[in-house]
C-alpha atoms as a PDB file:
ATOM      1  CA  MET A   1      11.159   4.892 -11.269  1.00  0.00           C
ATOM      2  CA  SER A   2       8.641   5.539  -8.539  1.00  0.00           C
ATOM      3  CA  GLY A   3       6.850   2.364  -7.551  1.00  0.00           C
ATOM      4  CA  GLU A   4       9.262  -0.422  -8.474  1.00  0.00           C
ATOM      5  CA  ILE A   5       9.298  -1.098  -5.018  1.00  0.00           C
ATOM      6  CA  ASP A   6       6.642  -0.861  -2.478  1.00  0.00           C
ATOM      7  CA  VAL A   7       8.346  -0.596   0.869  1.00  0.00           C
ATOM      8  CA  LEU A   8      12.087   0.203   1.337  1.00  0.00           C
ATOM      9  CA  VAL A   9      13.232  -0.841   4.643  1.00  0.00           C
ATOM     10  CA  LEU A  10      16.359   0.843   5.846  1.00  0.00           C
ATOM     11  CA  GLY A  11      18.349  -0.889   8.722  1.00  0.00           C
ATOM     12  CA  GLY A  12      17.842  -3.603  11.296  1.00  0.00           C
ATOM     13  CA  ALA A  13      19.509  -6.471   9.575  1.00  0.00           C
ATOM     14  CA  GLY A  14      21.337  -8.695  12.203  1.00  0.00           C
ATOM     15  CA  VAL A  15      21.698 -12.108  13.579  1.00  0.00           C
ATOM     16  CA  ASP A  16      20.435 -13.126  16.988  1.00  0.00           C
ATOM     17  CA  THR A  17      21.266 -16.244  19.335  1.00  0.00           C
ATOM     18  CA  ILE A  18      17.938 -17.129  21.115  1.00  0.00           C
ATOM     19  CA  VAL A  19      18.045 -18.894  24.486  1.00  0.00           C
ATOM     20  CA  TYR A  20      14.804 -20.283  25.941  1.00  0.00           C
ATOM     21  CA  VAL A  21      15.217 -19.580  29.797  1.00  0.00           C
ATOM     22  CA  PRO A  22      13.126 -21.378  32.707  1.00  0.00           C
ATOM     23  CA  GLU A  23      11.995 -17.632  33.944  1.00  0.00           C
ATOM     24  CA  LEU A  24      12.932 -13.865  33.616  1.00  0.00           C
ATOM     25  CA  PRO A  25      14.408 -12.340  35.167  1.00  0.00           C
ATOM     26  CA  LEU A  26      16.900 -15.194  35.557  1.00  0.00           C
ATOM     27  CA  PRO A  27      18.434 -15.906  38.966  1.00  0.00           C
ATOM     28  CA  TYR A  28      21.941 -15.987  39.388  1.00  0.00           C
ATOM     29  CA  ALA A  29      23.468 -19.266  39.160  1.00  0.00           C
ATOM     30  CA  ASP A  30      27.118 -20.757  37.782  1.00  0.00           C
ATOM     31  CA  SER A  31      25.013 -22.570  35.061  1.00  0.00           C
ATOM     32  CA  TYR A  32      21.926 -23.424  33.566  1.00  0.00           C
ATOM     33  CA  MET A  33      21.116 -26.765  31.047  1.00  0.00           C
ATOM     34  CA  ILE A  34      19.021 -25.294  28.560  1.00  0.00           C
ATOM     35  CA  ASP A  35      17.133 -28.585  27.166  1.00  0.00           C
ATOM     36  CA  SER A  36      15.493 -26.553  24.529  1.00  0.00           C
ATOM     37  CA  GLY A  37      18.798 -25.867  22.372  1.00  0.00           C
ATOM     38  CA  ILE A  38      20.512 -22.554  21.935  1.00  0.00           C
ATOM     39  CA  ARG A  39      19.595 -21.450  18.341  1.00  0.00           C
ATOM     40  CA  THR A  40      21.450 -18.576  16.349  1.00  0.00           C
ATOM     41  CA  ARG A  41      19.332 -17.293  13.516  1.00  0.00           C
ATOM     42  CA  ALA A  42      19.024 -14.212  11.071  1.00  0.00           C
ATOM     43  CA  GLY A  43      16.490 -11.923  11.792  1.00  0.00           C
ATOM     44  CA  GLN A  44      16.378  -8.501  13.729  1.00  0.00           C
ATOM     45  CA  THR A  45      13.911  -5.864  13.132  1.00  0.00           C
ATOM     46  CA  GLY A  46      14.588  -4.477   9.817  1.00  0.00           C
ATOM     47  CA  ASP A  47      14.829  -8.253   8.646  1.00  0.00           C
ATOM     48  CA  PHE A  48      11.558  -9.401  10.755  1.00  0.00           C
ATOM     49  CA  VAL A  49       9.720  -6.308   8.664  1.00  0.00           C
ATOM     50  CA  ALA A  50      10.934  -7.202   5.566  1.00  0.00           C
ATOM     51  CA  VAL A  51      10.304 -11.144   5.665  1.00  0.00           C
ATOM     52  CA  GLY A  52       6.470  -9.963   7.209  1.00  0.00           C
ATOM     53  CA  LEU A  53       5.891  -7.608   4.291  1.00  0.00           C
ATOM     54  CA  SER A  54       7.402  -9.953   1.756  1.00  0.00           C
ATOM     55  CA  ALA A  55       4.893 -12.709   2.851  1.00  0.00           C
ATOM     56  CA  LEU A  56       2.031 -10.543   2.376  1.00  0.00           C
ATOM     57  CA  GLY A  57       2.926 -10.131  -1.143  1.00  0.00           C
ATOM     58  CA  VAL A  58       4.573  -6.663  -0.511  1.00  0.00           C
ATOM     59  CA  ARG A  59       7.309  -5.657  -3.064  1.00  0.00           C
ATOM     60  CA  THR A  60      10.220  -5.355  -0.789  1.00  0.00           C
ATOM     61  CA  HIS A  61      13.547  -4.110  -0.816  1.00  0.00           C
ATOM     62  CA  HIS A  62      15.990  -4.257   2.195  1.00  0.00           C
ATOM     63  CA  LEU A  63      19.259  -1.812   2.820  1.00  0.00           C
ATOM     64  CA  ASP A  64      21.713  -2.130   5.458  1.00  0.00           C
ATOM     65  CA  LEU A  65      25.172  -2.536   6.817  1.00  0.00           C
ATOM     66  CA  LEU A  66      26.551  -6.180   6.525  1.00  0.00           C
ATOM     67  CA  GLY A  67      29.767  -7.533   7.516  1.00  0.00           C
ATOM     68  CA  ASP A  68      32.057 -10.150   5.463  1.00  0.00           C
ATOM     69  CA  ASP A  69      31.508 -12.716   8.351  1.00  0.00           C
ATOM     70  CA  PRO A  70      29.409 -15.617   8.650  1.00  0.00           C
ATOM     71  CA  GLU A  71      26.572 -13.784  10.747  1.00  0.00           C
ATOM     72  CA  GLY A  72      26.399 -11.420   7.321  1.00  0.00           C
ATOM     73  CA  GLU A  73      26.284 -14.765   4.990  1.00  0.00           C
ATOM     74  CA  LEU A  74      23.001 -15.567   7.584  1.00  0.00           C
ATOM     75  CA  VAL A  75      21.465 -12.483   6.950  1.00  0.00           C
ATOM     76  CA  ARG A  76      22.287 -12.919   3.273  1.00  0.00           C
ATOM     77  CA  ALA A  77      20.910 -16.245   3.059  1.00  0.00           C
ATOM     78  CA  LEU A  78      17.489 -15.393   4.712  1.00  0.00           C
ATOM     79  CA  HIS A  79      16.780 -12.772   1.872  1.00  0.00           C
ATOM     80  CA  ARG A  80      17.944 -15.045  -0.775  1.00  0.00           C
ATOM     81  CA  GLU A  81      15.546 -17.840   0.541  1.00  0.00           C
ATOM     82  CA  ARG A  82      12.627 -15.457   0.834  1.00  0.00           C
ATOM     83  CA  GLY A  83      13.374 -14.177  -2.376  1.00  0.00           C
ATOM     84  CA  ILE A  84      13.907 -10.161  -0.861  1.00  0.00           C
ATOM     85  CA  PRO A  85      16.494  -8.187  -2.711  1.00  0.00           C
ATOM     86  CA  LEU A  86      19.114  -6.787  -0.451  1.00  0.00           C
ATOM     87  CA  THR A  87      21.662  -4.196  -0.660  1.00  0.00           C
ATOM     88  CA  ALA A  88      24.238  -4.777   1.596  1.00  0.00           C
ATOM     89  CA  ILE A  89      27.105  -2.137   2.379  1.00  0.00           C
ATOM     90  CA  PRO A  90      30.293  -3.466   3.491  1.00  0.00           C
ATOM     91  CA  GLN A  91      30.623  -3.147   7.395  1.00  0.00           C
ATOM     92  CA  PRO A  92      33.991  -3.842   8.494  1.00  0.00           C
ATOM     93  CA  ALA A  93      33.186  -3.871  11.966  1.00  0.00           C
ATOM     94  CA  GLY A  94      30.878  -6.804  11.363  1.00  0.00           C
ATOM     95  CA  THR A  95      27.146  -7.435  11.407  1.00  0.00           C
ATOM     96  CA  LYS A  96      24.994  -6.718  14.227  1.00  0.00           C
ATOM     97  CA  ARG A  97      24.404  -9.453  16.477  1.00  0.00           C
ATOM     98  CA  ALA A  98      22.303  -9.488  19.752  1.00  0.00           C
ATOM     99  CA  VAL A  99      21.433 -12.429  22.610  1.00  0.00           C
ATOM    100  CA  ASN A 100      17.828 -13.030  23.640  1.00  0.00           C
ATOM    101  CA  LEU A 101      16.677 -14.791  26.524  1.00  0.00           C
ATOM    102  CA  VAL A 102      13.096 -16.095  26.313  1.00  0.00           C
ATOM    103  CA  GLY A 103      11.017 -16.901  29.168  1.00  0.00           C
ATOM    104  CA  PRO A 104       8.281 -19.292  29.177  1.00  0.00           C
ATOM    105  CA  ASP A 105       5.640 -16.976  28.774  1.00  0.00           C
ATOM    106  CA  GLY A 106       7.259 -15.496  25.507  1.00  0.00           C
ATOM    107  CA  ARG A 107       8.823 -12.406  26.975  1.00  0.00           C
ATOM    108  CA  ARG A 108      12.278 -11.403  26.031  1.00  0.00           C
ATOM    109  CA  LEU A 109      15.391  -9.687  27.369  1.00  0.00           C
ATOM    110  CA  SER A 110      17.747  -8.315  24.564  1.00  0.00           C
ATOM    111  CA  LEU A 111      21.729  -8.161  24.804  1.00  0.00           C
ATOM    112  CA  TYR A 112      22.782  -5.978  22.130  1.00  0.00           C
ATOM    113  CA  ASP A 113      26.632  -6.125  20.923  1.00  0.00           C
ATOM    114  CA  THR A 114      27.304  -2.359  20.530  1.00  0.00           C
ATOM    115  CA  SER A 115      31.173  -3.081  19.438  1.00  0.00           C
ATOM    116  CA  ARG A 116      29.850  -4.050  15.791  1.00  0.00           C
ATOM    117  CA  ALA A 117      29.021  -0.243  15.209  1.00  0.00           C
ATOM    118  CA  HIS A 118      30.879   3.096  14.743  1.00  0.00           C
ATOM    119  CA  ALA A 119      29.918   6.647  15.062  1.00  0.00           C
ATOM    120  CA  ASP A 120      30.790   7.303  11.352  1.00  0.00           C
ATOM    121  CA  ASP A 121      28.838   4.539  10.279  1.00  0.00           C
ATOM    122  CA  ARG A 122      26.978   5.525   7.334  1.00  0.00           C
ATOM    123  CA  LEU A 123      24.131   4.460   4.465  1.00  0.00           C
ATOM    124  CA  PRO A 124      25.537   5.985   1.230  1.00  0.00           C
ATOM    125  CA  GLU A 125      23.418   8.844   0.543  1.00  0.00           C
ATOM    126  CA  ARG A 126      23.060   8.434  -3.433  1.00  0.00           C
ATOM    127  CA  THR A 127      21.796   4.611  -2.764  1.00  0.00           C
ATOM    128  CA  VAL A 128      19.565   5.868  -0.278  1.00  0.00           C
ATOM    129  CA  ARG A 129      17.958   8.345  -2.921  1.00  0.00           C
ATOM    130  CA  ASP A 130      17.948   6.120  -5.559  1.00  0.00           C
ATOM    131  CA  LEU A 131      16.255   3.575  -3.636  1.00  0.00           C
ATOM    132  CA  ALA A 132      13.933   5.975  -2.057  1.00  0.00           C
ATOM    133  CA  ALA A 133      12.994   7.161  -5.314  1.00  0.00           C
ATOM    134  CA  SER A 134      11.824   3.852  -6.654  1.00  0.00           C
ATOM    135  CA  SER A 135       9.799   3.060  -3.633  1.00  0.00           C
ATOM    136  CA  ARG A 136       6.114   3.741  -2.416  1.00  0.00           C
ATOM    137  CA  HIS A 137       7.062   3.867   1.020  1.00  0.00           C
ATOM    138  CA  VAL A 138      10.202   3.604   3.290  1.00  0.00           C
ATOM    139  CA  HIS A 139      10.103   1.855   6.737  1.00  0.00           C
ATOM    140  CA  VAL A 140      13.304   3.220   9.211  1.00  0.00           C
ATOM    141  CA  ALA A 141      14.891   1.368  11.898  1.00  0.00           C
ATOM    142  CA  ILE A 142      16.148   3.392  14.701  1.00  0.00           C
ATOM    143  CA  THR A 143      19.860   2.538  14.290  1.00  0.00           C
ATOM    144  CA  HIS A 144      22.588   4.968  14.214  1.00  0.00           C
ATOM    145  CA  PRO A 145      23.357   5.068  10.542  1.00  0.00           C
ATOM    146  CA  CYS A 146      19.464   5.610   9.456  1.00  0.00           C
ATOM    147  CA  ALA A 147      19.324   8.726  11.637  1.00  0.00           C
ATOM    148  CA  HIS A 148      22.036  10.216   9.392  1.00  0.00           C
ATOM    149  CA  ALA A 149      19.733   8.892   6.251  1.00  0.00           C
ATOM    150  CA  LEU A 150      16.531  10.726   7.369  1.00  0.00           C
ATOM    151  CA  PRO A 151      17.147  14.217   5.895  1.00  0.00           C
ATOM    152  CA  ALA A 152      17.331  12.672   2.375  1.00  0.00           C
ATOM    153  CA  LEU A 153      14.354  10.647   2.764  1.00  0.00           C
ATOM    154  CA  ARG A 154      12.280  13.802   3.799  1.00  0.00           C
ATOM    155  CA  GLU A 155      13.962  15.652   0.616  1.00  0.00           C
ATOM    156  CA  SER A 156      12.669  12.505  -1.647  1.00  0.00           C
ATOM    157  CA  GLY A 157       8.972  12.840  -0.869  1.00  0.00           C
ATOM    158  CA  VAL A 158       8.284   9.685  -0.064  1.00  0.00           C
ATOM    159  CA  SER A 159       6.054   8.655   2.844  1.00  0.00           C
ATOM    160  CA  VAL A 160       8.380   7.264   6.061  1.00  0.00           C
ATOM    161  CA  SER A 161       7.379   4.963   9.084  1.00  0.00           C
ATOM    162  CA  THR A 162       9.526   3.718  11.838  1.00  0.00           C
ATOM    163  CA  ASP A 163       9.522   1.752  15.279  1.00  0.00           C
ATOM    164  CA  LEU A 164      10.734   3.259  18.352  1.00  0.00           C
ATOM    165  CA  HIS A 165      10.239   0.064  20.046  1.00  0.00           C
ATOM    166  CA  ASP A 166      10.450   0.725  24.031  1.00  0.00           C
ATOM    167  CA  TRP A 167      11.335   4.123  24.054  1.00  0.00           C
ATOM    168  CA  ASP A 168      10.537   5.752  27.243  1.00  0.00           C
ATOM    169  CA  GLY A 169       9.439   9.180  25.596  1.00  0.00           C
ATOM    170  CA  GLU A 170      12.508  10.838  27.163  1.00  0.00           C
ATOM    171  CA  ASN A 171      15.909   9.547  25.301  1.00  0.00           C
ATOM    172  CA  PRO A 172      16.754  12.280  23.025  1.00  0.00           C
ATOM    173  CA  TYR A 173      18.128   9.507  20.652  1.00  0.00           C
ATOM    174  CA  HIS A 174      14.704   8.848  19.427  1.00  0.00           C
ATOM    175  CA  GLU A 175      13.553  12.064  18.699  1.00  0.00           C
ATOM    176  CA  PRO A 176      14.784  12.513  14.988  1.00  0.00           C
ATOM    177  CA  PHE A 177      13.133   9.311  14.032  1.00  0.00           C
ATOM    178  CA  ALA A 178       9.854  10.201  15.979  1.00  0.00           C
ATOM    179  CA  TYR A 179       9.353  13.947  14.513  1.00  0.00           C
ATOM    180  CA  THR A 180      10.511  12.680  10.958  1.00  0.00           C
ATOM    181  CA  ALA A 181       8.426   9.798  10.284  1.00  0.00           C
ATOM    182  CA  ASP A 182       4.622   9.774   8.960  1.00  0.00           C
ATOM    183  CA  ILE A 183       3.664   6.802  10.601  1.00  0.00           C
ATOM    184  CA  VAL A 184       5.278   5.985  14.175  1.00  0.00           C
ATOM    185  CA  PHE A 185       4.920   2.602  15.797  1.00  0.00           C
ATOM    186  CA  LEU A 186       6.170   2.246  19.465  1.00  0.00           C
ATOM    187  CA  SER A 187       5.730  -0.261  22.355  1.00  0.00           C
ATOM    188  CA  ALA A 188       3.977   1.362  25.153  1.00  0.00           C
ATOM    189  CA  ALA A 189       5.707  -0.708  27.411  1.00  0.00           C
ATOM    190  CA  ALA A 190       8.183   1.733  28.953  1.00  0.00           C
ATOM    191  CA  LEU A 191       5.502   4.668  28.935  1.00  0.00           C
ATOM    192  CA  THR A 192       3.784   6.135  31.972  1.00  0.00           C
ATOM    193  CA  ASP A 193       1.528   8.171  29.986  1.00  0.00           C
ATOM    194  CA  PRO A 194       0.892   6.948  26.443  1.00  0.00           C
ATOM    195  CA  ASP A 195      -1.545   9.367  25.507  1.00  0.00           C
ATOM    196  CA  ARG A 196       0.750  12.271  26.350  1.00  0.00           C
ATOM    197  CA  THR A 197       3.770  10.979  24.735  1.00  0.00           C
ATOM    198  CA  MET A 198       1.875   9.950  21.282  1.00  0.00           C
ATOM    199  CA  ARG A 199       0.069  13.604  21.209  1.00  0.00           C
ATOM    200  CA  ARG A 200       3.635  15.005  21.574  1.00  0.00           C
ATOM    201  CA  ILE A 201       4.965  13.095  18.678  1.00  0.00           C
ATOM    202  CA  ALA A 202       2.242  14.131  16.346  1.00  0.00           C
ATOM    203  CA  ASP A 203       2.464  17.764  17.682  1.00  0.00           C
ATOM    204  CA  ARG A 204       6.237  18.184  17.333  1.00  0.00           C
ATOM    205  CA  GLY A 205       6.823  15.860  14.179  1.00  0.00           C
ATOM    206  CA  THR A 206       4.994  15.224  11.010  1.00  0.00           C
ATOM    207  CA  ALA A 207       2.965  12.032  11.931  1.00  0.00           C
ATOM    208  CA  GLU A 208       0.002  11.303  10.668  1.00  0.00           C
ATOM    209  CA  LEU A 209      -0.509   8.450  12.620  1.00  0.00           C
ATOM    210  CA  VAL A 210       0.890   7.193  16.090  1.00  0.00           C
ATOM    211  CA  VAL A 211       0.185   3.643  17.346  1.00  0.00           C
ATOM    212  CA  ALA A 212       1.399   2.294  20.444  1.00  0.00           C
ATOM    213  CA  THR A 213       1.365  -1.464  20.928  1.00  0.00           C
ATOM    214  CA  ALA A 214       0.735  -2.714  24.437  1.00  0.00           C
ATOM    215  CA  GLY A 215       0.903  -6.815  24.021  1.00  0.00           C
ATOM    216  CA  ALA A 216      -2.212  -8.205  25.936  1.00  0.00           C
ATOM    217  CA  ASP A 217      -4.185  -5.080  26.164  1.00  0.00           C
ATOM    218  CA  GLY A 218      -3.762  -4.518  22.321  1.00  0.00           C
ATOM    219  CA  ALA A 219      -2.865  -1.331  21.175  1.00  0.00           C
ATOM    220  CA  TYR A 220      -3.778   2.774  21.233  1.00  0.00           C
ATOM    221  CA  LEU A 221      -4.291   4.288  17.873  1.00  0.00           C
ATOM    222  CA  LEU A 222      -3.781   8.344  17.527  1.00  0.00           C
ATOM    223  CA  ALA A 223      -5.451   9.583  14.109  1.00  0.00           C
ATOM    224  CA  ASP A 224      -6.903  12.928  13.268  1.00  0.00           C
ATOM    225  CA  GLY A 225      -6.210  13.892  16.812  1.00  0.00           C
ATOM    226  CA  GLU A 226      -8.167  11.017  18.293  1.00  0.00           C
ATOM    227  CA  LEU A 227      -6.864   8.263  20.624  1.00  0.00           C
ATOM    228  CA  SER A 228      -8.645   5.175  20.201  1.00  0.00           C
ATOM    229  CA  HIS A 229      -8.076   1.596  21.840  1.00  0.00           C
ATOM    230  CA  ILE A 230      -7.860  -1.514  19.710  1.00  0.00           C
ATOM    231  CA  PRO A 231      -8.422  -4.415  21.322  1.00  0.00           C
ATOM    232  CA  THR A 232      -6.402  -7.598  21.502  1.00  0.00           C
ATOM    233  CA  VAL A 233      -6.659 -10.620  19.114  1.00  0.00           C
ATOM    234  CA  THR A 234      -6.656 -14.136  20.926  1.00  0.00           C
ATOM    235  CA  PRO A 235      -3.777 -15.880  19.162  1.00  0.00           C
ATOM    236  CA  HIS A 236      -4.688 -19.117  17.333  1.00  0.00           C
ATOM    237  CA  ALA A 237      -2.302 -20.998  19.390  1.00  0.00           C
ATOM    238  CA  PRO A 238      -0.348 -20.986  22.551  1.00  0.00           C
ATOM    239  CA  VAL A 239       2.101 -18.053  22.984  1.00  0.00           C
ATOM    240  CA  VAL A 240       5.760 -19.251  22.897  1.00  0.00           C
ATOM    241  CA  ASP A 241       7.952 -16.394  21.722  1.00  0.00           C
ATOM    242  CA  SER A 242       7.370 -12.436  21.616  1.00  0.00           C
ATOM    243  CA  ASN A 243      10.473 -11.787  19.129  1.00  0.00           C
ATOM    244  CA  GLY A 244       9.407 -10.062  16.140  1.00  0.00           C
ATOM    245  CA  ALA A 245       5.909  -9.619  17.338  1.00  0.00           C
ATOM    246  CA  GLY A 246       5.983  -5.605  16.893  1.00  0.00           C
ATOM    247  CA  ASP A 247       7.923  -6.078  13.265  1.00  0.00           C
ATOM    248  CA  ALA A 248       5.002  -8.193  12.468  1.00  0.00           C
ATOM    249  CA  PHE A 249       2.243  -5.592  13.434  1.00  0.00           C
ATOM    250  CA  ALA A 250       4.328  -3.179  11.510  1.00  0.00           C
ATOM    251  CA  ALA A 251       3.917  -5.310   8.452  1.00  0.00           C
ATOM    252  CA  GLY A 252       0.443  -6.062   8.724  1.00  0.00           C
ATOM    253  CA  PHE A 253      -0.251  -2.355   9.494  1.00  0.00           C
ATOM    254  CA  LEU A 254       1.642  -1.265   6.253  1.00  0.00           C
ATOM    255  CA  PHE A 255       0.070  -3.938   4.074  1.00  0.00           C
ATOM    256  CA  ALA A 256      -3.416  -2.766   4.857  1.00  0.00           C
ATOM    257  CA  ARG A 257      -2.158   1.050   4.541  1.00  0.00           C
ATOM    258  CA  LEU A 258      -0.682   0.689   1.424  1.00  0.00           C
ATOM    259  CA  ASN A 259      -3.856  -0.910   0.160  1.00  0.00           C
ATOM    260  CA  GLY A 260      -5.936   2.143   1.317  1.00  0.00           C
ATOM    261  CA  GLU A 261      -7.351   0.711   4.439  1.00  0.00           C
ATOM    262  CA  PRO A 262      -8.618   3.423   7.117  1.00  0.00           C
ATOM    263  CA  PRO A 263      -6.362   4.019   9.916  1.00  0.00           C
ATOM    264  CA  ARG A 264      -8.575   1.292  12.636  1.00  0.00           C
ATOM    265  CA  ARG A 265      -8.675  -1.185  10.100  1.00  0.00           C
ATOM    266  CA  CYS A 266      -4.887  -0.731   9.607  1.00  0.00           C
ATOM    267  CA  ALA A 267      -4.364  -1.385  13.131  1.00  0.00           C
ATOM    268  CA  LEU A 268      -6.456  -4.566  13.043  1.00  0.00           C
ATOM    269  CA  TYR A 269      -4.342  -6.162  10.294  1.00  0.00           C
ATOM    270  CA  GLY A 270      -1.469  -5.403  12.623  1.00  0.00           C
ATOM    271  CA  THR A 271      -2.624  -6.775  15.714  1.00  0.00           C
ATOM    272  CA  VAL A 272      -3.657  -9.969  14.152  1.00  0.00           C
ATOM    273  CA  ALA A 273      -0.104 -10.478  12.424  1.00  0.00           C
ATOM    274  CA  GLY A 274       1.643  -9.403  15.553  1.00  0.00           C
ATOM    275  CA  ALA A 275      -0.446 -12.073  17.498  1.00  0.00           C
ATOM    276  CA  TYR A 276       0.444 -14.902  14.845  1.00  0.00           C
ATOM    277  CA  ALA A 277       3.977 -14.113  15.372  1.00  0.00           C
ATOM    278  CA  CYS A 278       3.876 -14.710  19.172  1.00  0.00           C
ATOM    279  CA  THR A 279       2.881 -18.276  18.371  1.00  0.00           C
ATOM    280  CA  VAL A 280       5.759 -19.529  16.465  1.00  0.00           C
ATOM    281  CA  PRO A 281       9.669 -19.637  17.605  1.00  0.00           C
ATOM    282  CA  SER A 282      11.524 -16.667  15.925  1.00  0.00           C
ATOM    283  CA  THR A 283      14.321 -19.032  15.453  1.00  0.00           C
ATOM    284  CA  GLU A 284      12.122 -20.142  12.146  1.00  0.00           C
ATOM    285  CA  THR A 285      11.611 -16.241  11.314  1.00  0.00           C
ATOM    286  CA  PRO A 286       8.036 -17.203   9.865  1.00  0.00           C
ATOM    287  CA  ALA A 287       5.553 -14.806   8.751  1.00  0.00           C
ATOM    288  CA  MET A 288       1.641 -14.652   8.097  1.00  0.00           C
ATOM    289  CA  GLY A 289       0.522 -15.095   4.682  1.00  0.00           C
ATOM    290  CA  ARG A 290      -1.492 -12.749   2.756  1.00  0.00           C
ATOM    291  CA  ASP A 291      -4.478 -15.301   2.646  1.00  0.00           C
ATOM    292  CA  GLU A 292      -4.357 -16.042   6.364  1.00  0.00           C
ATOM    293  CA  LEU A 293      -4.127 -12.246   7.446  1.00  0.00           C
ATOM    294  CA  LEU A 294      -7.104 -11.262   4.939  1.00  0.00           C
ATOM    295  CA  GLY A 295      -9.075 -14.463   6.124  1.00  0.00           C
ATOM    296  CA  ARG A 296      -8.478 -13.871  10.082  1.00  0.00           C
ATOM    297  CA  VAL A 297      -9.517 -10.235   9.812  1.00  0.00           C
ATOM    298  CA  ALA A 298     -12.602 -11.439   7.785  1.00  0.00           C
ATOM    299  CA  GLU A 299     -13.536 -13.805  10.764  1.00  0.00           C
ATOM    300  CA  LEU A 300     -12.973 -11.052  13.466  1.00  0.00           C
ATOM    301  CA  GLU A 301     -15.063  -8.543  11.299  1.00  0.00           C
ATOM    302  CA  SER A 302     -17.947 -10.803  11.066  1.00  0.00           C
ATOM    303  CA  ALA A 303     -17.533 -11.625  14.953  1.00  0.00           C
ATOM    304  CA  GLY A 304     -18.073  -7.869  15.487  1.00  0.00           C
ATOM    305  CA  VAL A 305     -14.363  -7.167  16.539  1.00  0.00           C
END
């Protein structure tokens, strides 16, 4: 059965309410008038990766816990509309949700509702193993149920990636993900020494590639023991929202990796996809298409990037 799915996305399904605020941090006031609207839409980290991969023609399957609630229906509808197979495990506590405050420059502040998760939440091991056996690769969100699925994924022999997001390099919660995955993505935003943290991930774990995204400063790639800088890519339009940019980077990188591209070129694909994601409102959960990504990469390479 191996190969029926290109990428199995584990976890990270949920709903965000997006509020475009006049500035971040937001000064205290009794009230604010939000003329750009307040929007609730399906799409958290796993959803964004699944949407991004699917838009690039990658056969994608998403597995997570979902509630029987309006938020869960939004997530199910998103997957139906995008033609992405979804295995939804019942979650009595309800579907994950968050509120994201987005500033004029596209930066965001996320507020996560932790009441919709329990310590004993699990993804069924048999389901995880069966789907992994049918997949070329698994991308794992750093949610609590996914941590318990890591041993089964390692035993399956499938390659694994994860995104540690804004890990500070110290929080022990992230370590099982960091030291189990073959490809580790993270943001450099909270790292005082990205080089040291990236090398520690590679030294202590099984990662072949470690990638730290750095926003307008591009990204850093650790491959074969060598750290290199990936230049930023200028977006084709103004930046409006950074929600999902890191997930778009991961999708572009994995698309290239699955097609046999070398690590540095994979990072270029990711950088282009991430830059594009910053130019569109996340409420639309858009994603860059395959032809557009290939065309933009070709343009940059012909310009010597």
